[in-house]
């Protein structure tokens, strides 16, 4: 795969935890897909998993070259799903899919209680 875009993002879990507490369902519905919400809410500490997905969406926007959601890309146009093995995979929808122009998307996530990080490569 010849890389055509790369993005990385680091998120403080506490910041996402505060957004979840302050804005609850509104924050979730504007930022995450129904599948992401169902997965994160099923985890022992949902904030860590929401933070990792938030980082993945930011990293994907950087890799796509759309920056902070310009050019019609919405938060829910970028979705993190889990393969049966547990491996994360990006699924692009809407304008994110259009900007990717058929490129393969790779994602890597990591998190601790305090930080979540994601890296996305397009090729």
PDB file of N, CA and C in Angstrom:
ATOM      1  N   UNK A   1       0.843  -1.179   0.000  1.00  0.00           N
ATOM      2  CA  UNK A   1       0.000   0.000   0.000  1.00  0.00           C
ATOM      3  C   UNK A   1       0.887   1.241   0.000  1.00  0.00           C
ATOM      4  N   UNK A   2       0.655   2.112  -0.946  1.00  0.00           N
ATOM      5  CA  UNK A   2       1.370   3.386  -0.993  1.00  0.00           C
ATOM      6  C   UNK A   2       0.544   4.425  -0.228  1.00  0.00           C
ATOM      7  N   UNK A   3       1.094   4.959   0.864  1.00  0.00           N
ATOM      8  CA  UNK A   3       0.336   5.920   1.672  1.00  0.00           C
ATOM      9  C   UNK A   3      -0.021   7.188   0.883  1.00  0.00           C
ATOM     10  N   UNK A   4      -1.271   7.604   1.036  1.00  0.00           N
ATOM     11  CA  UNK A   4      -1.708   8.857   0.417  1.00  0.00           C
ATOM     12  C   UNK A   4      -2.143   9.872   1.464  1.00  0.00           C
ATOM     13  N   UNK A   5      -2.189   9.448   2.713  1.00  0.00           N
ATOM     14  CA  UNK A   5      -2.540  10.345   3.802  1.00  0.00           C
ATOM     15  C   UNK A   5      -2.300   9.670   5.132  1.00  0.00           C
ATOM     16  N   UNK A   6      -1.911  10.456   6.126  1.00  0.00           N
ATOM     17  CA  UNK A   6      -1.680   9.925   7.469  1.00  0.00           C
ATOM     18  C   UNK A   6      -2.171  10.956   8.474  1.00  0.00           C
ATOM     19  N   UNK A   7      -2.719  10.467   9.569  1.00  0.00           N
ATOM     20  CA  UNK A   7      -3.176  11.352  10.629  1.00  0.00           C
ATOM     21  C   UNK A   7      -2.998  10.681  11.970  1.00  0.00           C
ATOM     22  N   UNK A   8      -2.771  11.487  12.993  1.00  0.00           N
ATOM     23  CA  UNK A   8      -2.620  10.981  14.354  1.00  0.00           C
ATOM     24  C   UNK A   8      -3.308  11.961  15.287  1.00  0.00           C
ATOM     25  N   UNK A   9      -3.862  11.451  16.379  1.00  0.00           N
ATOM     26  CA  UNK A   9      -4.510  12.334  17.341  1.00  0.00           C
ATOM     27  C   UNK A   9      -4.423  11.718  18.737  1.00  0.00           C
ATOM     28  N   UNK A  10      -4.294  12.581  19.726  1.00  0.00           N
ATOM     29  CA  UNK A  10      -4.207  12.199  21.128  1.00  0.00           C
ATOM     30  C   UNK A  10      -5.301  12.945  21.886  1.00  0.00           C
ATOM     31  N   UNK A  11      -6.068  12.219  22.699  1.00  0.00           N
ATOM     32  CA  UNK A  11      -7.204  12.804  23.417  1.00  0.00           C
ATOM     33  C   UNK A  11      -7.096  12.463  24.899  1.00  0.00           C
ATOM     34  N   UNK A  12      -7.385  13.451  25.743  1.00  0.00           N
ATOM     35  CA  UNK A  12      -7.457  13.200  27.175  1.00  0.00           C
ATOM     36  C   UNK A  12      -8.804  12.557  27.485  1.00  0.00           C
ATOM     37  N   UNK A  13      -8.788  11.397  28.111  1.00  0.00           N
ATOM     38  CA  UNK A  13     -10.015  10.675  28.427  1.00  0.00           C
ATOM     39  C   UNK A  13     -10.913  11.523  29.326  1.00  0.00           C
ATOM     40  N   UNK A  14     -10.333  12.260  30.259  1.00  0.00           N
ATOM     41  CA  UNK A  14     -11.123  13.088  31.171  1.00  0.00           C
ATOM     42  C   UNK A  14     -11.926  14.143  30.413  1.00  0.00           C
ATOM     43  N   UNK A  15     -11.360  14.687  29.353  1.00  0.00           N
ATOM     44  CA  UNK A  15     -12.082  15.680  28.533  1.00  0.00           C
ATOM     45  C   UNK A  15     -13.333  15.053  27.910  1.00  0.00           C
ATOM     46  N   UNK A  16     -13.193  13.850  27.388  1.00  0.00           N
ATOM     47  CA  UNK A  16     -14.339  13.155  26.797  1.00  0.00           C
ATOM     48  C   UNK A  16     -15.334  12.773  27.886  1.00  0.00           C
ATOM     49  N   UNK A  17     -14.829  12.342  29.034  1.00  0.00           N
ATOM     50  CA  UNK A  17     -15.710  11.997  30.155  1.00  0.00           C
ATOM     51  C   UNK A  17     -16.567  13.213  30.544  1.00  0.00           C
ATOM     52  N   UNK A  18     -15.954  14.381  30.584  1.00  0.00           N
ATOM     53  CA  UNK A  18     -16.686  15.607  30.915  1.00  0.00           C
ATOM     54  C   UNK A  18     -17.733  15.949  29.850  1.00  0.00           C
ATOM     55  N   UNK A  19     -17.396  15.743  28.573  1.00  0.00           N
ATOM     56  CA  UNK A  19     -18.360  15.987  27.501  1.00  0.00           C
ATOM     57  C   UNK A  19     -19.551  15.033  27.626  1.00  0.00           C
ATOM     58  N   UNK A  20     -19.278  13.789  27.970  1.00  0.00           N
ATOM     59  CA  UNK A  20     -20.345  12.805  28.153  1.00  0.00           C
ATOM     60  C   UNK A  20     -21.253  13.198  29.318  1.00  0.00           C
ATOM     61  N   UNK A  21     -20.640  13.667  30.413  1.00  0.00           N
ATOM     62  CA  UNK A  21     -21.420  14.068  31.584  1.00  0.00           C
ATOM     63  C   UNK A  21     -22.220  15.338  31.328  1.00  0.00           C
ATOM     64  N   UNK A  22     -21.600  16.291  30.654  1.00  0.00           N
ATOM     65  CA  UNK A  22     -22.242  17.591  30.434  1.00  0.00           C
ATOM     66  C   UNK A  22     -23.309  17.544  29.340  1.00  0.00           C
ATOM     67  N   UNK A  23     -23.017  16.842  28.238  1.00  0.00           N
ATOM     68  CA  UNK A  23     -23.904  16.872  27.075  1.00  0.00           C
ATOM     69  C   UNK A  23     -24.597  15.543  26.790  1.00  0.00           C
ATOM     70  N   UNK A  24     -24.180  14.481  27.465  1.00  0.00           N
ATOM     71  CA  UNK A  24     -24.830  13.169  27.380  1.00  0.00           C
ATOM     72  C   UNK A  24     -25.212  12.719  25.983  1.00  0.00           C
ATOM     73  N   UNK A  25     -26.486  12.360  25.805  1.00  0.00           N
ATOM     74  CA  UNK A  25     -26.946  11.817  24.521  1.00  0.00           C
ATOM     75  C   UNK A  25     -26.708  12.744  23.339  1.00  0.00           C
ATOM     76  N   UNK A  26     -26.789  14.039  23.545  1.00  0.00           N
ATOM     77  CA  UNK A  26     -26.579  14.993  22.440  1.00  0.00           C
ATOM     78  C   UNK A  26     -25.166  14.874  21.879  1.00  0.00           C
ATOM     79  N   UNK A  27     -24.167  14.819  22.765  1.00  0.00           N
ATOM     80  CA  UNK A  27     -22.772  14.665  22.338  1.00  0.00           C
ATOM     81  C   UNK A  27     -22.589  13.328  21.618  1.00  0.00           C
ATOM     82  N   UNK A  28     -23.133  12.269  22.184  1.00  0.00           N
ATOM     83  CA  UNK A  28     -22.996  10.948  21.575  1.00  0.00           C
ATOM     84  C   UNK A  28     -23.608  10.915  20.179  1.00  0.00           C
ATOM     85  N   UNK A  29     -24.826  11.394  20.045  1.00  0.00           N
ATOM     86  CA  UNK A  29     -25.546  11.306  18.772  1.00  0.00           C
ATOM     87  C   UNK A  29     -24.932  12.182  17.686  1.00  0.00           C
ATOM     88  N   UNK A  30     -24.326  13.295  18.050  1.00  0.00           N
ATOM     89  CA  UNK A  30     -23.701  14.179  17.055  1.00  0.00           C
ATOM     90  C   UNK A  30     -22.329  13.676  16.623  1.00  0.00           C
ATOM     91  N   UNK A  31     -21.681  12.894  17.475  1.00  0.00           N
ATOM     92  CA  UNK A  31     -20.281  12.531  17.253  1.00  0.00           C
ATOM     93  C   UNK A  31     -20.083  11.075  16.848  1.00  0.00           C
ATOM     94  N   UNK A  32     -20.950  10.177  17.308  1.00  0.00           N
ATOM     95  CA  UNK A  32     -20.739   8.752  17.126  1.00  0.00           C
ATOM     96  C   UNK A  32     -21.930   8.091  16.446  1.00  0.00           C
ATOM     97  N   UNK A  33     -21.653   6.985  15.750  1.00  0.00           N
ATOM     98  CA  UNK A  33     -22.728   6.220  15.114  1.00  0.00           C
ATOM     99  C   UNK A  33     -23.428   5.371  16.181  1.00  0.00           C
ATOM    100  N   UNK A  34     -24.578   4.836  15.824  1.00  0.00           N
ATOM    101  CA  UNK A  34     -25.312   3.980  16.757  1.00  0.00           C
ATOM    102  C   UNK A  34     -24.484   2.766  17.166  1.00  0.00           C
ATOM    103  N   UNK A  35     -23.729   2.207  16.213  1.00  0.00           N
ATOM    104  CA  UNK A  35     -22.874   1.062  16.522  1.00  0.00           C
ATOM    105  C   UNK A  35     -21.762   1.419  17.500  1.00  0.00           C
ATOM    106  N   UNK A  36     -21.157   2.581  17.309  1.00  0.00           N
ATOM    107  CA  UNK A  36     -20.099   3.023  18.222  1.00  0.00           C
ATOM    108  C   UNK A  36     -20.667   3.266  19.623  1.00  0.00           C
ATOM    109  N   UNK A  37     -21.843   3.878  19.694  1.00  0.00           N
ATOM    110  CA  UNK A  37     -22.481   4.148  20.987  1.00  0.00           C
ATOM    111  C   UNK A  37     -22.786   2.829  21.700  1.00  0.00           C
ATOM    112  N   UNK A  38     -23.353   1.880  20.976  1.00  0.00           N
ATOM    113  CA  UNK A  38     -23.686   0.592  21.585  1.00  0.00           C
ATOM    114  C   UNK A  38     -22.430  -0.099  22.117  1.00  0.00           C
ATOM    115  N   UNK A  39     -21.354  -0.084  21.327  1.00  0.00           N
ATOM    116  CA  UNK A  39     -20.120  -0.731  21.768  1.00  0.00           C
ATOM    117  C   UNK A  39     -19.547  -0.027  23.000  1.00  0.00           C
ATOM    118  N   UNK A  40     -19.366   1.279  22.927  1.00  0.00           N
ATOM    119  CA  UNK A  40     -18.740   2.013  24.030  1.00  0.00           C
ATOM    120  C   UNK A  40     -19.548   1.902  25.317  1.00  0.00           C
ATOM    121  N   UNK A  41     -20.868   2.012  25.201  1.00  0.00           N
ATOM    122  CA  UNK A  41     -21.721   1.929  26.388  1.00  0.00           C
ATOM    123  C   UNK A  41     -21.701   0.542  27.023  1.00  0.00           C
ATOM    124  N   UNK A  42     -21.286  -0.478  26.268  1.00  0.00           N
ATOM    125  CA  UNK A  42     -21.217  -1.833  26.815  1.00  0.00           C
ATOM    126  C   UNK A  42     -19.914  -2.094  27.564  1.00  0.00           C
ATOM    127  N   UNK A  43     -18.978  -1.169  27.501  1.00  0.00           N
ATOM    128  CA  UNK A  43     -17.669  -1.344  28.130  1.00  0.00           C
ATOM    129  C   UNK A  43     -17.696  -0.890  29.592  1.00  0.00           C
ATOM    130  N   UNK A  44     -16.760  -1.425  30.387  1.00  0.00           N
ATOM    131  CA  UNK A  44     -16.681  -1.087  31.809  1.00  0.00           C
ATOM    132  C   UNK A  44     -16.439   0.403  32.022  1.00  0.00           C
ATOM    133  N   UNK A  45     -15.587   1.016  31.209  1.00  0.00           N
ATOM    134  CA  UNK A  45     -15.325   2.458  31.284  1.00  0.00           C
ATOM    135  C   UNK A  45     -15.578   3.043  29.903  1.00  0.00           C
ATOM    136  N   UNK A  46     -16.813   3.388  29.590  1.00  0.00           N
ATOM    137  CA  UNK A  46     -17.151   3.876  28.249  1.00  0.00           C
ATOM    138  C   UNK A  46     -16.302   5.067  27.793  1.00  0.00           C
ATOM    139  N   UNK A  47     -15.934   5.957  28.691  1.00  0.00           N
ATOM    140  CA  UNK A  47     -15.206   7.169  28.297  1.00  0.00           C
ATOM    141  C   UNK A  47     -13.898   6.846  27.588  1.00  0.00           C
ATOM    142  N   UNK A  48     -13.184   5.808  28.030  1.00  0.00           N
ATOM    143  CA  UNK A  48     -11.924   5.426  27.370  1.00  0.00           C
ATOM    144  C   UNK A  48     -12.169   5.047  25.920  1.00  0.00           C
ATOM    145  N   UNK A  49     -13.232   4.319  25.674  1.00  0.00           N
ATOM    146  CA  UNK A  49     -13.527   3.828  24.334  1.00  0.00           C
ATOM    147  C   UNK A  49     -14.088   4.945  23.441  1.00  0.00           C
ATOM    148  N   UNK A  50     -14.899   5.817  24.022  1.00  0.00           N
ATOM    149  CA  UNK A  50     -15.354   6.990  23.268  1.00  0.00           C
ATOM    150  C   UNK A  50     -14.155   7.863  22.894  1.00  0.00           C
ATOM    151  N   UNK A  51     -13.221   8.036  23.829  1.00  0.00           N
ATOM    152  CA  UNK A  51     -12.041   8.863  23.567  1.00  0.00           C
ATOM    153  C   UNK A  51     -11.198   8.285  22.433  1.00  0.00           C
ATOM    154  N   UNK A  52     -11.031   6.976  22.412  1.00  0.00           N
ATOM    155  CA  UNK A  52     -10.250   6.347  21.341  1.00  0.00           C
ATOM    156  C   UNK A  52     -10.925   6.556  19.992  1.00  0.00           C
ATOM    157  N   UNK A  53     -12.243   6.453  19.948  1.00  0.00           N
ATOM    158  CA  UNK A  53     -12.979   6.660  18.695  1.00  0.00           C
ATOM    159  C   UNK A  53     -12.973   8.128  18.284  1.00  0.00           C
ATOM    160  N   UNK A  54     -13.036   9.017  19.258  1.00  0.00           N
ATOM    161  CA  UNK A  54     -12.941  10.448  18.974  1.00  0.00           C
ATOM    162  C   UNK A  54     -11.579  10.743  18.331  1.00  0.00           C
ATOM    163  N   UNK A  55     -10.514  10.175  18.911  1.00  0.00           N
ATOM    164  CA  UNK A  55      -9.166  10.353  18.357  1.00  0.00           C
ATOM    165  C   UNK A  55      -9.080   9.785  16.947  1.00  0.00           C
ATOM    166  N   UNK A  56      -9.712   8.636  16.711  1.00  0.00           N
ATOM    167  CA  UNK A  56      -9.686   8.023  15.379  1.00  0.00           C
ATOM    168  C   UNK A  56     -10.377   8.915  14.349  1.00  0.00           C
ATOM    169  N   UNK A  57     -11.475   9.533  14.730  1.00  0.00           N
ATOM    170  CA  UNK A  57     -12.195  10.421  13.811  1.00  0.00           C
ATOM    171  C   UNK A  57     -11.342  11.645  13.475  1.00  0.00           C
ATOM    172  N   UNK A  58     -10.687  12.214  14.484  1.00  0.00           N
ATOM    173  CA  UNK A  58      -9.792  13.357  14.250  1.00  0.00           C
ATOM    174  C   UNK A  58      -8.612  12.947  13.363  1.00  0.00           C
ATOM    175  N   UNK A  59      -8.013  11.794  13.648  1.00  0.00           N
ATOM    176  CA  UNK A  59      -6.876  11.319  12.847  1.00  0.00           C
ATOM    177  C   UNK A  59      -7.303  11.047  11.411  1.00  0.00           C
ATOM    178  N   UNK A  60      -8.488  10.487  11.231  1.00  0.00           N
ATOM    179  CA  UNK A  60      -8.988  10.210   9.884  1.00  0.00           C
ATOM    180  C   UNK A  60      -9.222  11.503   9.112  1.00  0.00           C
ATOM    181  N   UNK A  61      -9.770  12.515   9.774  1.00  0.00           N
ATOM    182  CA  UNK A  61      -9.979  13.807   9.109  1.00  0.00           C
ATOM    183  C   UNK A  61      -8.648  14.392   8.654  1.00  0.00           C
ATOM    184  N   UNK A  62      -7.626  14.246   9.456  1.00  0.00           N
ATOM    185  CA  UNK A  62      -6.287  14.726   9.078  1.00  0.00           C
ATOM    186  C   UNK A  62      -5.756  13.935   7.884  1.00  0.00           C
ATOM    187  N   UNK A  63      -5.912  12.616   7.921  1.00  0.00           N
ATOM    188  CA  UNK A  63      -5.431  11.776   6.823  1.00  0.00           C
ATOM    189  C   UNK A  63      -6.164  12.086   5.526  1.00  0.00           C
ATOM    190  N   UNK A  64      -7.464  12.382   5.634  1.00  0.00           N
ATOM    191  CA  UNK A  64      -8.263  12.717   4.454  1.00  0.00           C
ATOM    192  C   UNK A  64      -7.928  14.105   3.911  1.00  0.00           C
ATOM    193  N   UNK A  65      -7.288  14.919   4.750  1.00  0.00           N
ATOM    194  CA  UNK A  65      -6.959  16.280   4.324  1.00  0.00           C
ATOM    195  C   UNK A  65      -8.117  17.246   4.498  1.00  0.00           C
ATOM    196  N   UNK A  66      -9.120  16.841   5.271  1.00  0.00           N
ATOM    197  CA  UNK A  66     -10.270  17.724   5.482  1.00  0.00           C
ATOM    198  C   UNK A  66     -10.153  18.492   6.782  1.00  0.00           C
ATOM    199  N   UNK A  67      -9.072  18.264   7.537  1.00  0.00           N
ATOM    200  CA  UNK A  67      -8.850  19.008   8.763  1.00  0.00           C
ATOM    201  C   UNK A  67     -10.002  18.893   9.730  1.00  0.00           C
ATOM    202  N   UNK A  68     -10.356  19.990  10.306  1.00  0.00           N
ATOM    203  CA  UNK A  68     -11.400  19.996  11.320  1.00  0.00           C
ATOM    204  C   UNK A  68     -12.781  20.122  10.702  1.00  0.00           C
ATOM    205  N   UNK A  69     -13.164  19.103   9.968  1.00  0.00           N
ATOM    206  CA  UNK A  69     -14.529  18.929   9.507  1.00  0.00           C
ATOM    207  C   UNK A  69     -14.980  19.923   8.460  1.00  0.00           C
ATOM    208  N   UNK A  70     -14.046  20.351   7.660  1.00  0.00           N
ATOM    209  CA  UNK A  70     -14.428  21.181   6.530  1.00  0.00           C
ATOM    210  C   UNK A  70     -14.829  20.286   5.363  1.00  0.00           C
ATOM    211  N   UNK A  71     -15.245  20.869   4.305  1.00  0.00           N
ATOM    212  CA  UNK A  71     -15.575  20.152   3.071  1.00  0.00           C
ATOM    213  C   UNK A  71     -16.671  19.102   3.254  1.00  0.00           C
ATOM    214  N   UNK A  72     -17.603  19.343   4.181  1.00  0.00           N
ATOM    215  CA  UNK A  72     -18.779  18.514   4.307  1.00  0.00           C
ATOM    216  C   UNK A  72     -18.644  17.215   5.067  1.00  0.00           C
ATOM    217  N   UNK A  73     -17.513  16.953   5.679  1.00  0.00           N
ATOM    218  CA  UNK A  73     -17.328  15.710   6.437  1.00  0.00           C
ATOM    219  C   UNK A  73     -17.904  15.901   7.840  1.00  0.00           C
ATOM    220  N   UNK A  74     -18.784  14.981   8.248  1.00  0.00           N
ATOM    221  CA  UNK A  74     -19.389  15.002   9.577  1.00  0.00           C
ATOM    222  C   UNK A  74     -18.738  13.948  10.458  1.00  0.00           C
ATOM    223  N   UNK A  75     -18.904  14.112  11.768  1.00  0.00           N
ATOM    224  CA  UNK A  75     -18.342  13.154  12.724  1.00  0.00           C
ATOM    225  C   UNK A  75     -18.790  11.730  12.415  1.00  0.00           C
ATOM    226  N   UNK A  76     -20.057  11.556  12.097  1.00  0.00           N
ATOM    227  CA  UNK A  76     -20.582  10.210  11.895  1.00  0.00           C
ATOM    228  C   UNK A  76     -20.256   9.647  10.513  1.00  0.00           C
ATOM    229  N   UNK A  77     -19.579  10.438   9.669  1.00  0.00           N
ATOM    230  CA  UNK A  77     -19.109   9.927   8.381  1.00  0.00           C
ATOM    231  C   UNK A  77     -17.897   9.012   8.558  1.00  0.00           C
ATOM    232  N   UNK A  78     -17.319   9.044   9.739  1.00  0.00           N
ATOM    233  CA  UNK A  78     -16.153   8.212  10.056  1.00  0.00           C
ATOM    234  C   UNK A  78     -16.554   7.316  11.219  1.00  0.00           C
ATOM    235  N   UNK A  79     -16.532   6.014  10.984  1.00  0.00           N
ATOM    236  CA  UNK A  79     -17.007   5.056  11.985  1.00  0.00           C
ATOM    237  C   UNK A  79     -15.928   4.027  12.286  1.00  0.00           C
ATOM    238  N   UNK A  80     -15.717   3.763  13.563  1.00  0.00           N
ATOM    239  CA  UNK A  80     -14.803   2.700  13.983  1.00  0.00           C
ATOM    240  C   UNK A  80     -15.657   1.481  14.315  1.00  0.00           C
ATOM    241  N   UNK A  81     -15.394   0.393  13.624  1.00  0.00           N
ATOM    242  CA  UNK A  81     -16.072  -0.879  13.904  1.00  0.00           C
ATOM    243  C   UNK A  81     -15.019  -1.883  14.359  1.00  0.00           C
ATOM    244  N   UNK A  82     -15.493  -2.964  14.943  1.00  0.00           N
ATOM    245  CA  UNK A  82     -14.580  -4.028  15.394  1.00  0.00           C
ATOM    246  C   UNK A  82     -14.825  -5.269  14.574  1.00  0.00           C
ATOM    247  N   UNK A  83     -13.741  -5.837  14.064  1.00  0.00           N
ATOM    248  CA  UNK A  83     -13.829  -7.108  13.373  1.00  0.00           C
ATOM    249  C   UNK A  83     -14.020  -8.205  14.424  1.00  0.00           C
ATOM    250  N   UNK A  84     -14.453  -9.407  14.016  1.00  0.00           N
ATOM    251  CA  UNK A  84     -14.641 -10.496  14.992  1.00  0.00           C
ATOM    252  C   UNK A  84     -13.394 -10.763  15.846  1.00  0.00           C
ATOM    253  N   UNK A  85     -12.226 -10.488  15.296  1.00  0.00           N
ATOM    254  CA  UNK A  85     -10.974 -10.686  16.039  1.00  0.00           C
ATOM    255  C   UNK A  85     -10.750  -9.607  17.092  1.00  0.00           C
ATOM    256  N   UNK A  86     -11.524  -8.513  17.035  1.00  0.00           N
ATOM    257  CA  UNK A  86     -11.333  -7.378  17.937  1.00  0.00           C
ATOM    258  C   UNK A  86     -10.570  -6.242  17.296  1.00  0.00           C
ATOM    259  N   UNK A  87      -9.991  -6.500  16.134  1.00  0.00           N
ATOM    260  CA  UNK A  87      -9.220  -5.485  15.419  1.00  0.00           C
ATOM    261  C   UNK A  87     -10.141  -4.337  14.994  1.00  0.00           C
ATOM    262  N   UNK A  88      -9.718  -3.093  15.243  1.00  0.00           N
ATOM    263  CA  UNK A  88     -10.538  -1.965  14.796  1.00  0.00           C
ATOM    264  C   UNK A  88     -10.401  -1.758  13.290  1.00  0.00           C
ATOM    265  N   UNK A  89     -11.471  -1.274  12.695  1.00  0.00           N
ATOM    266  CA  UNK A  89     -11.475  -0.981  11.265  1.00  0.00           C
ATOM    267  C   UNK A  89     -12.292   0.291  11.050  1.00  0.00           C
ATOM    268  N   UNK A  90     -11.852   1.111  10.103  1.00  0.00           N
ATOM    269  CA  UNK A  90     -12.600   2.324   9.763  1.00  0.00           C
ATOM    270  C   UNK A  90     -13.571   2.038   8.634  1.00  0.00           C
ATOM    271  N   UNK A  91     -14.774   2.543   8.784  1.00  0.00           N
ATOM    272  CA  UNK A  91     -15.773   2.518   7.725  1.00  0.00           C
ATOM    273  C   UNK A  91     -16.128   3.970   7.458  1.00  0.00           C
ATOM    274  N   UNK A  92     -15.969   4.369   6.212  1.00  0.00           N
ATOM    275  CA  UNK A  92     -16.264   5.750   5.839  1.00  0.00           C
ATOM    276  C   UNK A  92     -17.622   5.841   5.169  1.00  0.00           C
ATOM    277  N   UNK A  93     -18.324   6.912   5.460  1.00  0.00           N
ATOM    278  CA  UNK A  93     -19.648   7.169   4.906  1.00  0.00           C
ATOM    279  C   UNK A  93     -19.659   8.583   4.329  1.00  0.00           C
ATOM    280  N   UNK A  94     -20.668   8.885   3.549  1.00  0.00           N
ATOM    281  CA  UNK A  94     -20.900  10.251   3.086  1.00  0.00           C
ATOM    282  C   UNK A  94     -19.689  10.903   2.447  1.00  0.00           C
ATOM    283  N   UNK A  95     -19.427  12.136   2.853  1.00  0.00           N
ATOM    284  CA  UNK A  95     -18.335  12.911   2.255  1.00  0.00           C
ATOM    285  C   UNK A  95     -16.956  12.364   2.616  1.00  0.00           C
ATOM    286  N   UNK A  96     -16.824  11.691   3.741  1.00  0.00           N
ATOM    287  CA  UNK A  96     -15.532  11.074   4.078  1.00  0.00           C
ATOM    288  C   UNK A  96     -15.190  10.015   3.047  1.00  0.00           C
ATOM    289  N   UNK A  97     -16.179   9.235   2.647  1.00  0.00           N
ATOM    290  CA  UNK A  97     -15.978   8.206   1.630  1.00  0.00           C
ATOM    291  C   UNK A  97     -15.617   8.850   0.294  1.00  0.00           C
ATOM    292  N   UNK A  98     -16.273   9.939  -0.030  1.00  0.00           N
ATOM    293  CA  UNK A  98     -15.975  10.664  -1.270  1.00  0.00           C
ATOM    294  C   UNK A  98     -14.540  11.167  -1.269  1.00  0.00           C
ATOM    295  N   UNK A  99     -14.099  11.759  -0.164  1.00  0.00           N
ATOM    296  CA  UNK A  99     -12.730  12.293  -0.071  1.00  0.00           C
ATOM    297  C   UNK A  99     -11.673  11.190  -0.103  1.00  0.00           C
ATOM    298  N   UNK A 100     -12.026   9.999   0.375  1.00  0.00           N
ATOM    299  CA  UNK A 100     -11.052   8.896   0.394  1.00  0.00           C
ATOM    300  C   UNK A 100     -10.771   8.359  -1.000  1.00  0.00           C
ATOM    301  N   UNK A 101     -11.664   8.598  -1.936  1.00  0.00           N
ATOM    302  CA  UNK A 101     -11.480   8.177  -3.336  1.00  0.00           C
ATOM    303  C   UNK A 101     -11.083   6.715  -3.472  1.00  0.00           C
ATOM    304  N   UNK A 102     -11.708   5.850  -2.680  1.00  0.00           N
ATOM    305  CA  UNK A 102     -11.444   4.422  -2.791  1.00  0.00           C
ATOM    306  C   UNK A 102     -10.196   3.932  -2.078  1.00  0.00           C
ATOM    307  N   UNK A 103      -9.503   4.813  -1.381  1.00  0.00           N
ATOM    308  CA  UNK A 103      -8.283   4.418  -0.677  1.00  0.00           C
ATOM    309  C   UNK A 103      -8.607   3.484   0.483  1.00  0.00           C
ATOM    310  N   UNK A 104      -7.717   2.547   0.743  1.00  0.00           N
ATOM    311  CA  UNK A 104      -7.838   1.676   1.903  1.00  0.00           C
ATOM    312  C   UNK A 104      -7.527   2.499   3.148  1.00  0.00           C
ATOM    313  N   UNK A 105      -8.248   2.240   4.233  1.00  0.00           N
ATOM    314  CA  UNK A 105      -8.046   2.969   5.488  1.00  0.00           C
ATOM    315  C   UNK A 105      -7.582   2.008   6.569  1.00  0.00           C
ATOM    316  N   UNK A 106      -6.456   2.306   7.170  1.00  0.00           N
ATOM    317  CA  UNK A 106      -5.953   1.525   8.297  1.00  0.00           C
ATOM    318  C   UNK A 106      -6.022   2.379   9.548  1.00  0.00           C
ATOM    319  N   UNK A 107      -6.377   1.760  10.673  1.00  0.00           N
ATOM    320  CA  UNK A 107      -6.464   2.500  11.932  1.00  0.00           C
ATOM    321  C   UNK A 107      -5.835   1.678  13.047  1.00  0.00           C
ATOM    322  N   UNK A 108      -5.187   2.371  13.958  1.00  0.00           N
ATOM    323  CA  UNK A 108      -4.655   1.752  15.155  1.00  0.00           C
ATOM    324  C   UNK A 108      -5.087   2.610  16.334  1.00  0.00           C
ATOM    325  N   UNK A 109      -5.607   1.960  17.386  1.00  0.00           N
ATOM    326  CA  UNK A 109      -6.080   2.653  18.579  1.00  0.00           C
ATOM    327  C   UNK A 109      -5.317   2.161  19.795  1.00  0.00           C
ATOM    328  N   UNK A 110      -5.127   3.040  20.771  1.00  0.00           N
ATOM    329  CA  UNK A 110      -4.591   2.646  22.066  1.00  0.00           C
ATOM    330  C   UNK A 110      -5.145   3.601  23.106  1.00  0.00           C
ATOM    331  N   UNK A 111      -5.285   3.107  24.330  1.00  0.00           N
ATOM    332  CA  UNK A 111      -5.770   3.980  25.394  1.00  0.00           C
ATOM    333  C   UNK A 111      -5.334   3.476  26.756  1.00  0.00           C
ATOM    334  N   UNK A 112      -5.260   4.432  27.679  1.00  0.00           N
ATOM    335  CA  UNK A 112      -5.057   4.157  29.099  1.00  0.00           C
ATOM    336  C   UNK A 112      -6.209   4.840  29.823  1.00  0.00           C
ATOM    337  N   UNK A 113      -6.178   4.844  31.126  1.00  0.00           N
ATOM    338  CA  UNK A 113      -7.225   5.549  31.874  1.00  0.00           C
ATOM    339  C   UNK A 113      -7.204   7.041  31.578  1.00  0.00           C
ATOM    340  N   UNK A 114      -6.033   7.580  31.191  1.00  0.00           N
ATOM    341  CA  UNK A 114      -5.872   9.018  31.027  1.00  0.00           C
ATOM    342  C   UNK A 114      -5.857   9.505  29.580  1.00  0.00           C
ATOM    343  N   UNK A 115      -5.324   8.695  28.664  1.00  0.00           N
ATOM    344  CA  UNK A 115      -5.124   9.137  27.291  1.00  0.00           C
ATOM    345  C   UNK A 115      -5.602   8.098  26.287  1.00  0.00           C
ATOM    346  N   UNK A 116      -6.060   8.590  25.152  1.00  0.00           N
ATOM    347  CA  UNK A 116      -6.426   7.720  24.028  1.00  0.00           C
ATOM    348  C   UNK A 116      -5.755   8.271  22.780  1.00  0.00           C
ATOM    349  N   UNK A 117      -5.256   7.380  21.947  1.00  0.00           N
ATOM    350  CA  UNK A 117      -4.552   7.812  20.751  1.00  0.00           C
ATOM    351  C   UNK A 117      -4.982   6.952  19.576  1.00  0.00           C
ATOM    352  N   UNK A 118      -4.984   7.570  18.397  1.00  0.00           N
ATOM    353  CA  UNK A 118      -5.302   6.834  17.171  1.00  0.00           C
ATOM    354  C   UNK A 118      -4.395   7.323  16.052  1.00  0.00           C
ATOM    355  N   UNK A 119      -4.073   6.399  15.170  1.00  0.00           N
ATOM    356  CA  UNK A 119      -3.335   6.725  13.960  1.00  0.00           C
ATOM    357  C   UNK A 119      -4.098   6.128  12.795  1.00  0.00           C
ATOM    358  N   UNK A 120      -4.217   6.906  11.716  1.00  0.00           N
ATOM    359  CA  UNK A 120      -4.929   6.467  10.524  1.00  0.00           C
ATOM    360  C   UNK A 120      -4.016   6.663   9.313  1.00  0.00           C
ATOM    361  N   UNK A 121      -3.978   5.654   8.453  1.00  0.00           N
ATOM    362  CA  UNK A 121      -3.225   5.756   7.209  1.00  0.00           C
ATOM    363  C   UNK A 121      -4.150   5.412   6.055  1.00  0.00           C
ATOM    364  N   UNK A 122      -4.107   6.229   5.023  1.00  0.00           N
ATOM    365  CA  UNK A 122      -4.839   5.972   3.796  1.00  0.00           C
ATOM    366  C   UNK A 122      -3.864   5.546   2.734  1.00  0.00           C
ATOM    367  N   UNK A 123      -4.280   4.613   1.911  1.00  0.00           N
ATOM    368  CA  UNK A 123      -3.391   4.194   0.841  1.00  0.00           C
ATOM    369  C   UNK A 123      -4.143   3.599  -0.306  1.00  0.00           C
TER     370      UNK A 123
END
